[in-house]
PDB file of N, CA and C in Angstrom:
ATOM      1  N   SER A   1     -14.328   6.770  11.264  1.00  0.00           N
ATOM      2  CA  SER A   1     -13.707   7.534  12.333  1.00  0.00           C
ATOM      3  C   SER A   1     -12.308   7.012  12.656  1.00  0.00           C
ATOM      4  N   ALA A   2     -12.072   5.723  12.410  1.00  0.00           N
ATOM      5  CA  ALA A   2     -10.746   5.160  12.700  1.00  0.00           C
ATOM      6  C   ALA A   2      -9.669   5.836  11.843  1.00  0.00           C
ATOM      7  N   VAL A   3      -9.976   6.081  10.582  1.00  0.00           N
ATOM      8  CA  VAL A   3      -9.019   6.733   9.697  1.00  0.00           C
ATOM      9  C   VAL A   3      -8.680   8.122  10.224  1.00  0.00           C
ATOM     10  N   MET A   4      -9.696   8.842  10.674  1.00  0.00           N
ATOM     11  CA  MET A   4      -9.487  10.191  11.193  1.00  0.00           C
ATOM     12  C   MET A   4      -8.538  10.158  12.393  1.00  0.00           C
ATOM     13  N   TYR A   5      -8.776   9.261  13.330  1.00  0.00           N
ATOM     14  CA  TYR A   5      -7.928   9.196  14.521  1.00  0.00           C
ATOM     15  C   TYR A   5      -6.511   8.718  14.192  1.00  0.00           C
ATOM     16  N   LEU A   6      -6.389   7.801  13.260  1.00  0.00           N
ATOM     17  CA  LEU A   6      -5.052   7.344  12.869  1.00  0.00           C
ATOM     18  C   LEU A   6      -4.286   8.454  12.155  1.00  0.00           C
ATOM     19  N   ARG A   7      -4.961   9.204  11.307  1.00  0.00           N
ATOM     20  CA  ARG A   7      -4.282  10.329  10.630  1.00  0.00           C
ATOM     21  C   ARG A   7      -3.898  11.415  11.649  1.00  0.00           C
ATOM     22  N   LEU A   8      -4.730  11.627  12.640  1.00  0.00           N
ATOM     23  CA  LEU A   8      -4.397  12.577  13.706  1.00  0.00           C
ATOM     24  C   LEU A   8      -3.165  12.095  14.463  1.00  0.00           C
ATOM     25  N   ALA A   9      -3.126  10.821  14.800  1.00  0.00           N
ATOM     26  CA  ALA A   9      -1.964  10.257  15.501  1.00  0.00           C
ATOM     27  C   ALA A   9      -0.703  10.427  14.671  1.00  0.00           C
ATOM     28  N   LEU A  10      -0.808  10.222  13.347  1.00  0.00           N
ATOM     29  CA  LEU A  10       0.353  10.366  12.487  1.00  0.00           C
ATOM     30  C   LEU A  10       0.755  11.830  12.284  1.00  0.00           C
ATOM     31  N   ALA A  11      -0.210  12.725  12.385  1.00  0.00           N
ATOM     32  CA  ALA A  11       0.130  14.146  12.314  1.00  0.00           C
ATOM     33  C   ALA A  11       0.927  14.560  13.550  1.00  0.00           C
ATOM     34  N   LEU A  12       0.575  13.972  14.666  1.00  0.00           N
ATOM     35  CA  LEU A  12       1.268  14.289  15.913  1.00  0.00           C
ATOM     36  C   LEU A  12       2.600  13.551  16.028  1.00  0.00           C
ATOM     37  N   LYS A  13       2.643  12.339  15.486  1.00  0.00           N
ATOM     38  CA  LYS A  13       3.857  11.523  15.551  1.00  0.00           C
ATOM     39  C   LYS A  13       4.023  10.770  14.237  1.00  0.00           C
ATOM     40  N   PRO A  14       4.650  11.405  13.232  1.00  0.00           N
ATOM     41  CA  PRO A  14       4.754  10.799  11.902  1.00  0.00           C
ATOM     42  C   PRO A  14       5.520   9.478  11.870  1.00  0.00           C
ATOM     43  N   ASP A  15       6.399   9.271  12.828  1.00  0.00           N
ATOM     44  CA  ASP A  15       7.196   8.037  12.846  1.00  0.00           C
ATOM     45  C   ASP A  15       6.584   6.990  13.794  1.00  0.00           C
ATOM     46  N   PHE A  16       5.264   6.825  13.728  1.00  0.00           N
ATOM     47  CA  PHE A  16       4.533   5.902  14.587  1.00  0.00           C
ATOM     48  C   PHE A  16       4.131   4.696  13.735  1.00  0.00           C
ATOM     49  N   PRO A  17       4.986   3.659  13.686  1.00  0.00           N
ATOM     50  CA  PRO A  17       4.746   2.548  12.768  1.00  0.00           C
ATOM     51  C   PRO A  17       3.446   1.784  13.020  1.00  0.00           C
ATOM     52  N   VAL A  18       3.035   1.662  14.267  1.00  0.00           N
ATOM     53  CA  VAL A  18       1.780   0.950  14.555  1.00  0.00           C
ATOM     54  C   VAL A  18       0.604   1.666  13.898  1.00  0.00           C
ATOM     55  N   ALA A  19       0.596   2.984  13.948  1.00  0.00           N
ATOM     56  CA  ALA A  19      -0.486   3.758  13.341  1.00  0.00           C
ATOM     57  C   ALA A  19      -0.480   3.584  11.823  1.00  0.00           C
ATOM     58  N   HIS A  20       0.705   3.563  11.204  1.00  0.00           N
ATOM     59  CA  HIS A  20       0.783   3.338   9.758  1.00  0.00           C
ATOM     60  C   HIS A  20       0.225   1.969   9.382  1.00  0.00           C
ATOM     61  N   LEU A  21       0.609   0.948  10.145  1.00  0.00           N
ATOM     62  CA  LEU A  21       0.146  -0.399   9.862  1.00  0.00           C
ATOM     63  C   LEU A  21      -1.375  -0.519  10.031  1.00  0.00           C
ATOM     64  N   LEU A  22      -1.876   0.047  11.100  1.00  0.00           N
ATOM     65  CA  LEU A  22      -3.337   0.021  11.322  1.00  0.00           C
ATOM     66  C   LEU A  22      -4.069   0.820  10.255  1.00  0.00           C
ATOM     67  N   LEU A  23      -3.508   1.957   9.876  1.00  0.00           N
ATOM     68  CA  LEU A  23      -4.131   2.761   8.822  1.00  0.00           C
ATOM     69  C   LEU A  23      -4.197   1.965   7.518  1.00  0.00           C
ATOM     70  N   GLY A  24      -3.111   1.267   7.205  1.00  0.00           N
ATOM     71  CA  GLY A  24      -3.131   0.430   6.008  1.00  0.00           C
ATOM     72  C   GLY A  24      -4.222  -0.615   6.059  1.00  0.00           C
ATOM     73  N   ASP A  25      -4.389  -1.252   7.208  1.00  0.00           N
ATOM     74  CA  ASP A  25      -5.439  -2.265   7.369  1.00  0.00           C
ATOM     75  C   ASP A  25      -6.834  -1.667   7.178  1.00  0.00           C
ATOM     76  N   VAL A  26      -7.065  -0.528   7.797  1.00  0.00           N
ATOM     77  CA  VAL A  26      -8.386   0.112   7.699  1.00  0.00           C
ATOM     78  C   VAL A  26      -8.668   0.559   6.265  1.00  0.00           C
ATOM     79  N   LEU A  27      -7.680   1.164   5.623  1.00  0.00           N
ATOM     80  CA  LEU A  27      -7.863   1.625   4.243  1.00  0.00           C
ATOM     81  C   LEU A  27      -8.066   0.440   3.292  1.00  0.00           C
ATOM     82  N   ASP A  28      -7.359  -0.648   3.540  1.00  0.00           N
ATOM     83  CA  ASP A  28      -7.523  -1.852   2.727  1.00  0.00           C
ATOM     84  C   ASP A  28      -8.963  -2.361   2.829  1.00  0.00           C
ATOM     85  N   ARG A  29      -9.479  -2.449   4.037  1.00  0.00           N
ATOM     86  CA  ARG A  29     -10.854  -2.911   4.233  1.00  0.00           C
ATOM     87  C   ARG A  29     -11.866  -1.965   3.612  1.00  0.00           C
ATOM     88  N   ASP A  30     -11.491  -0.678   3.512  1.00  0.00           N
ATOM     89  CA  ASP A  30     -12.368   0.329   2.914  1.00  0.00           C
ATOM     90  C   ASP A  30     -12.279   0.351   1.388  1.00  0.00           C
ATOM     91  N   GLY A  31     -11.372  -0.429   0.827  1.00  0.00           N
ATOM     92  CA  GLY A  31     -11.199  -0.447  -0.613  1.00  0.00           C
ATOM     93  C   GLY A  31     -10.331   0.661  -1.164  1.00  0.00           C
ATOM     94  N   GLN A  32      -9.634   1.357  -0.301  1.00  0.00           N
ATOM     95  CA  GLN A  32      -8.733   2.443  -0.705  1.00  0.00           C
ATOM     96  C   GLN A  32      -7.319   1.869  -0.821  1.00  0.00           C
ATOM     97  N   TYR A  33      -7.127   1.072  -1.853  1.00  0.00           N
ATOM     98  CA  TYR A  33      -5.935   0.247  -1.959  1.00  0.00           C
ATOM     99  C   TYR A  33      -4.632   1.026  -2.137  1.00  0.00           C
ATOM    100  N   GLU A  34      -4.629   2.043  -2.975  1.00  0.00           N
ATOM    101  CA  GLU A  34      -3.400   2.818  -3.183  1.00  0.00           C
ATOM    102  C   GLU A  34      -2.952   3.491  -1.886  1.00  0.00           C
ATOM    103  N   GLU A  35      -3.902   4.053  -1.153  1.00  0.00           N
ATOM    104  CA  GLU A  35      -3.569   4.694   0.113  1.00  0.00           C
ATOM    105  C   GLU A  35      -3.107   3.672   1.130  1.00  0.00           C
ATOM    106  N   ALA A  36      -3.720   2.507   1.133  1.00  0.00           N
ATOM    107  CA  ALA A  36      -3.306   1.439   2.045  1.00  0.00           C
ATOM    108  C   ALA A  36      -1.878   1.009   1.737  1.00  0.00           C
ATOM    109  N   LEU A  37      -1.579   0.881   0.460  1.00  0.00           N
ATOM    110  CA  LEU A  37      -0.232   0.494   0.048  1.00  0.00           C
ATOM    111  C   LEU A  37       0.787   1.534   0.496  1.00  0.00           C
ATOM    112  N   SER A  38       0.447   2.793   0.395  1.00  0.00           N
ATOM    113  CA  SER A  38       1.339   3.866   0.869  1.00  0.00           C
ATOM    114  C   SER A  38       1.577   3.772   2.359  1.00  0.00           C
ATOM    115  N   ALA A  39       0.528   3.461   3.103  1.00  0.00           N
ATOM    116  CA  ALA A  39       0.656   3.332   4.559  1.00  0.00           C
ATOM    117  C   ALA A  39       1.571   2.164   4.898  1.00  0.00           C
ATOM    118  N   TYR A  40       1.413   1.029   4.212  1.00  0.00           N
ATOM    119  CA  TYR A  40       2.292  -0.116   4.467  1.00  0.00           C
ATOM    120  C   TYR A  40       3.737   0.209   4.092  1.00  0.00           C
ATOM    121  N   ARG A  41       3.916   0.898   2.978  1.00  0.00           N
ATOM    122  CA  ARG A  41       5.283   1.230   2.535  1.00  0.00           C
ATOM    123  C   ARG A  41       5.998   2.161   3.510  1.00  0.00           C
ATOM    124  N   ALA A  42       5.242   2.937   4.249  1.00  0.00           N
ATOM    125  CA  ALA A  42       5.849   3.838   5.234  1.00  0.00           C
ATOM    126  C   ALA A  42       6.462   3.078   6.402  1.00  0.00           C
ATOM    127  N   VAL A  43       6.107   1.806   6.557  1.00  0.00           N
ATOM    128  CA  VAL A  43       6.556   1.009   7.702  1.00  0.00           C
ATOM    129  C   VAL A  43       7.562  -0.073   7.298  1.00  0.00           C
ATOM    130  N   MET A  44       7.759  -0.285   6.025  1.00  0.00           N
ATOM    131  CA  MET A  44       8.544  -1.437   5.567  1.00  0.00           C
ATOM    132  C   MET A  44       9.960  -1.510   6.132  1.00  0.00           C
ATOM    133  N   ASP A  45      10.549  -0.399   6.473  1.00  0.00           N
ATOM    134  CA  ASP A  45      11.917  -0.406   7.012  1.00  0.00           C
ATOM    135  C   ASP A  45      11.957  -0.519   8.527  1.00  0.00           C
ATOM    136  N   ASP A  46      10.805  -0.569   9.157  1.00  0.00           N
ATOM    137  CA  ASP A  46      10.755  -0.680  10.610  1.00  0.00           C
ATOM    138  C   ASP A  46      11.272  -2.042  11.047  1.00  0.00           C
ATOM    139  N   PRO A  47      12.194  -2.078  12.034  1.00  0.00           N
ATOM    140  CA  PRO A  47      12.769  -3.371  12.439  1.00  0.00           C
ATOM    141  C   PRO A  47      11.770  -4.324  13.090  1.00  0.00           C
ATOM    142  N   VAL A  48      10.702  -3.813  13.657  1.00  0.00           N
ATOM    143  CA  VAL A  48       9.734  -4.672  14.344  1.00  0.00           C
ATOM    144  C   VAL A  48       8.532  -4.998  13.449  1.00  0.00           C
ATOM    145  N   LEU A  49       7.940  -3.985  12.840  1.00  0.00           N
ATOM    146  CA  LEU A  49       6.700  -4.184  12.070  1.00  0.00           C
ATOM    147  C   LEU A  49       6.913  -4.222  10.557  1.00  0.00           C
ATOM    148  N   GLY A  50       8.137  -4.019  10.128  1.00  0.00           N
ATOM    149  CA  GLY A  50       8.411  -3.982   8.690  1.00  0.00           C
ATOM    150  C   GLY A  50       8.049  -5.254   7.960  1.00  0.00           C
ATOM    151  N   TRP A  51       8.331  -6.399   8.594  1.00  0.00           N
ATOM    152  CA  TRP A  51       8.026  -7.679   7.948  1.00  0.00           C
ATOM    153  C   TRP A  51       6.517  -7.825   7.728  1.00  0.00           C
ATOM    154  N   ASP A  52       5.737  -7.484   8.737  1.00  0.00           N
ATOM    155  CA  ASP A  52       4.275  -7.557   8.606  1.00  0.00           C
ATOM    156  C   ASP A  52       3.779  -6.596   7.531  1.00  0.00           C
ATOM    157  N   ALA A  53       4.341  -5.400   7.490  1.00  0.00           N
ATOM    158  CA  ALA A  53       3.927  -4.415   6.489  1.00  0.00           C
ATOM    159  C   ALA A  53       4.253  -4.894   5.079  1.00  0.00           C
ATOM    160  N   ARG A  54       5.412  -5.497   4.916  1.00  0.00           N
ATOM    161  CA  ARG A  54       5.807  -6.013   3.593  1.00  0.00           C
ATOM    162  C   ARG A  54       4.862  -7.145   3.166  1.00  0.00           C
ATOM    163  N   PHE A  55       4.510  -8.014   4.097  1.00  0.00           N
ATOM    164  CA  PHE A  55       3.616  -9.130   3.783  1.00  0.00           C
ATOM    165  C   PHE A  55       2.226  -8.617   3.409  1.00  0.00           C
ATOM    166  N   GLU A  56       1.705  -7.680   4.203  1.00  0.00           N
ATOM    167  CA  GLU A  56       0.386  -7.114   3.901  1.00  0.00           C
ATOM    168  C   GLU A  56       0.394  -6.388   2.557  1.00  0.00           C
ATOM    169  N   ALA A  57       1.484  -5.687   2.261  1.00  0.00           N
ATOM    170  CA  ALA A  57       1.588  -4.996   0.972  1.00  0.00           C
ATOM    171  C   ALA A  57       1.597  -5.992  -0.183  1.00  0.00           C
ATOM    172  N   ALA A  58       2.303  -7.104  -0.010  1.00  0.00           N
ATOM    173  CA  ALA A  58       2.346  -8.132  -1.056  1.00  0.00           C
ATOM    174  C   ALA A  58       0.956  -8.720  -1.301  1.00  0.00           C
ATOM    175  N   LEU A  59       0.231  -8.991  -0.216  1.00  0.00           N
ATOM    176  CA  LEU A  59      -1.131  -9.507  -0.371  1.00  0.00           C
ATOM    177  C   LEU A  59      -2.027  -8.474  -1.066  1.00  0.00           C
ATOM    178  N   LEU A  60      -1.855  -7.227  -0.707  1.00  0.00           N
ATOM    179  CA  LEU A  60      -2.644  -6.152  -1.293  1.00  0.00           C
ATOM    180  C   LEU A  60      -2.344  -5.993  -2.781  1.00  0.00           C
ATOM    181  N   LEU A  61      -1.075  -6.101  -3.158  1.00  0.00           N
ATOM    182  CA  LEU A  61      -0.725  -6.013  -4.571  1.00  0.00           C
ATOM    183  C   LEU A  61      -1.428  -7.099  -5.388  1.00  0.00           C
ATOM    184  N   ASN A  62      -1.514  -8.280  -4.842  1.00  0.00           N
ATOM    185  CA  ASN A  62      -2.228  -9.345  -5.535  1.00  0.00           C
ATOM    186  C   ASN A  62      -3.718  -9.002  -5.661  1.00  0.00           C
ATOM    187  N   GLN A  63      -4.282  -8.461  -4.608  1.00  0.00           N
ATOM    188  CA  GLN A  63      -5.691  -8.062  -4.617  1.00  0.00           C
ATOM    189  C   GLN A  63      -5.939  -6.953  -5.626  1.00  0.00           C
ATOM    190  N   MET A  64      -4.921  -6.135  -5.886  1.00  0.00           N
ATOM    191  CA  MET A  64      -5.031  -5.026  -6.829  1.00  0.00           C
ATOM    192  C   MET A  64      -4.737  -5.471  -8.269  1.00  0.00           C
ATOM    193  N   ASP A  65      -4.716  -6.781  -8.492  1.00  0.00           N
ATOM    194  CA  ASP A  65      -4.416  -7.335  -9.821  1.00  0.00           C
ATOM    195  C   ASP A  65      -3.025  -6.956 -10.306  1.00  0.00           C
ATOM    196  N   ARG A  66      -2.072  -6.988  -9.384  1.00  0.00           N
ATOM    197  CA  ARG A  66      -0.664  -6.771  -9.703  1.00  0.00           C
ATOM    198  C   ARG A  66       0.132  -7.982  -9.201  1.00  0.00           C
ATOM    199  N   PRO A  67      -0.206  -9.167  -9.743  1.00  0.00           N
ATOM    200  CA  PRO A  67       0.385 -10.394  -9.216  1.00  0.00           C
ATOM    201  C   PRO A  67       1.894 -10.485  -9.379  1.00  0.00           C
ATOM    202  N   ASP A  68       2.440  -9.920 -10.451  1.00  0.00           N
ATOM    203  CA  ASP A  68       3.882 -10.001 -10.649  1.00  0.00           C
ATOM    204  C   ASP A  68       4.640  -9.276  -9.527  1.00  0.00           C
ATOM    205  N   GLU A  69       4.144  -8.105  -9.153  1.00  0.00           N
ATOM    206  CA  GLU A  69       4.766  -7.369  -8.059  1.00  0.00           C
ATOM    207  C   GLU A  69       4.605  -8.103  -6.735  1.00  0.00           C
ATOM    208  N   SER A  70       3.438  -8.696  -6.554  1.00  0.00           N
ATOM    209  CA  SER A  70       3.166  -9.450  -5.335  1.00  0.00           C
ATOM    210  C   SER A  70       4.114 -10.640  -5.218  1.00  0.00           C
ATOM    211  N   ILE A  71       4.243 -11.393  -6.290  1.00  0.00           N
ATOM    212  CA  ILE A  71       5.124 -12.569  -6.288  1.00  0.00           C
ATOM    213  C   ILE A  71       6.569 -12.149  -6.049  1.00  0.00           C
ATOM    214  N   ALA A  72       6.999 -11.080  -6.697  1.00  0.00           N
ATOM    215  CA  ALA A  72       8.377 -10.613  -6.520  1.00  0.00           C
ATOM    216  C   ALA A  72       8.638 -10.218  -5.058  1.00  0.00           C
ATOM    217  N   ALA A  73       7.670  -9.541  -4.447  1.00  0.00           N
ATOM    218  CA  ALA A  73       7.830  -9.129  -3.044  1.00  0.00           C
ATOM    219  C   ALA A  73       7.899 -10.351  -2.128  1.00  0.00           C
ATOM    220  N   LEU A  74       7.034 -11.325  -2.352  1.00  0.00           N
ATOM    221  CA  LEU A  74       7.033 -12.528  -1.528  1.00  0.00           C
ATOM    222  C   LEU A  74       8.288 -13.361  -1.741  1.00  0.00           C
ATOM    223  N   GLN A  75       8.782 -13.432  -2.978  1.00  0.00           N
ATOM    224  CA  GLN A  75      10.016 -14.166  -3.239  1.00  0.00           C
ATOM    225  C   GLN A  75      11.210 -13.508  -2.544  1.00  0.00           C
ATOM    226  N   ALA A  76      11.244 -12.172  -2.543  1.00  0.00           N
ATOM    227  CA  ALA A  76      12.325 -11.467  -1.852  1.00  0.00           C
ATOM    228  C   ALA A  76      12.280 -11.760  -0.359  1.00  0.00           C
ATOM    229  N   MET A  77      11.088 -11.805   0.195  1.00  0.00           N
ATOM    230  CA  MET A  77      10.944 -12.107   1.626  1.00  0.00           C
ATOM    231  C   MET A  77      11.390 -13.540   1.896  1.00  0.00           C
ATOM    232  N   LEU A  78      11.056 -14.446   1.012  1.00  0.00           N
ATOM    233  CA  LEU A  78      11.442 -15.845   1.182  1.00  0.00           C
ATOM    234  C   LEU A  78      12.961 -15.997   1.154  1.00  0.00           C
ATOM    235  N   LEU A  79      13.619 -15.256   0.269  1.00  0.00           N
ATOM    236  CA  LEU A  79      15.078 -15.324   0.198  1.00  0.00           C
ATOM    237  C   LEU A  79      15.732 -14.768   1.476  1.00  0.00           C
ATOM    238  N   GLU A  80      15.113 -13.764   2.055  1.00  0.00           N
ATOM    239  CA  GLU A  80      15.657 -13.167   3.276  1.00  0.00           C
ATOM    240  C   GLU A  80      15.509 -14.081   4.490  1.00  0.00           C
ATOM    241  N   ARG A  81      14.363 -14.746   4.566  1.00  0.00           N
ATOM    242  CA  ARG A  81      14.091 -15.624   5.719  1.00  0.00           C
ATOM    243  C   ARG A  81      13.488 -16.947   5.221  1.00  0.00           C
ATOM    244  N   PRO A  82      14.316 -17.819   4.683  1.00  0.00           N
ATOM    245  CA  PRO A  82      13.784 -19.067   4.123  1.00  0.00           C
ATOM    246  C   PRO A  82      13.119 -19.990   5.161  1.00  0.00           C
ATOM    247  N   ASP A  83      13.438 -19.827   6.428  1.00  0.00           N
ATOM    248  CA  ASP A  83      12.828 -20.678   7.457  1.00  0.00           C
ATOM    249  C   ASP A  83      11.536 -20.098   8.019  1.00  0.00           C
ATOM    250  N   ASN A  84      11.156 -18.903   7.580  1.00  0.00           N
ATOM    251  CA  ASN A  84       9.959 -18.248   8.095  1.00  0.00           C
ATOM    252  C   ASN A  84       8.773 -18.594   7.196  1.00  0.00           C
ATOM    253  N   ILE A  85       7.979 -19.524   7.624  1.00  0.00           N
ATOM    254  CA  ILE A  85       6.843 -19.962   6.814  1.00  0.00           C
ATOM    255  C   ILE A  85       5.817 -18.857   6.743  1.00  0.00           C
TER     256      ILE A  85
END
């Protein structure tokens, strides 16, 4: 039911980054990895939640057996914010 309500929220307000991030989390837990990745990618440019979305997407890529993409994403994040552990 969470997916249904989050999709409804996004239908009403497509630029709702919190809903995209939550949808990604729910879809990830459900094993719907490609859809979760799409939800995270929809938020990556957000100034507040983009960093979290990028990190979750990188973790998900590793879980999807795409370690090279995961490592590249994490390395790019490290270069942007070397002091952010």
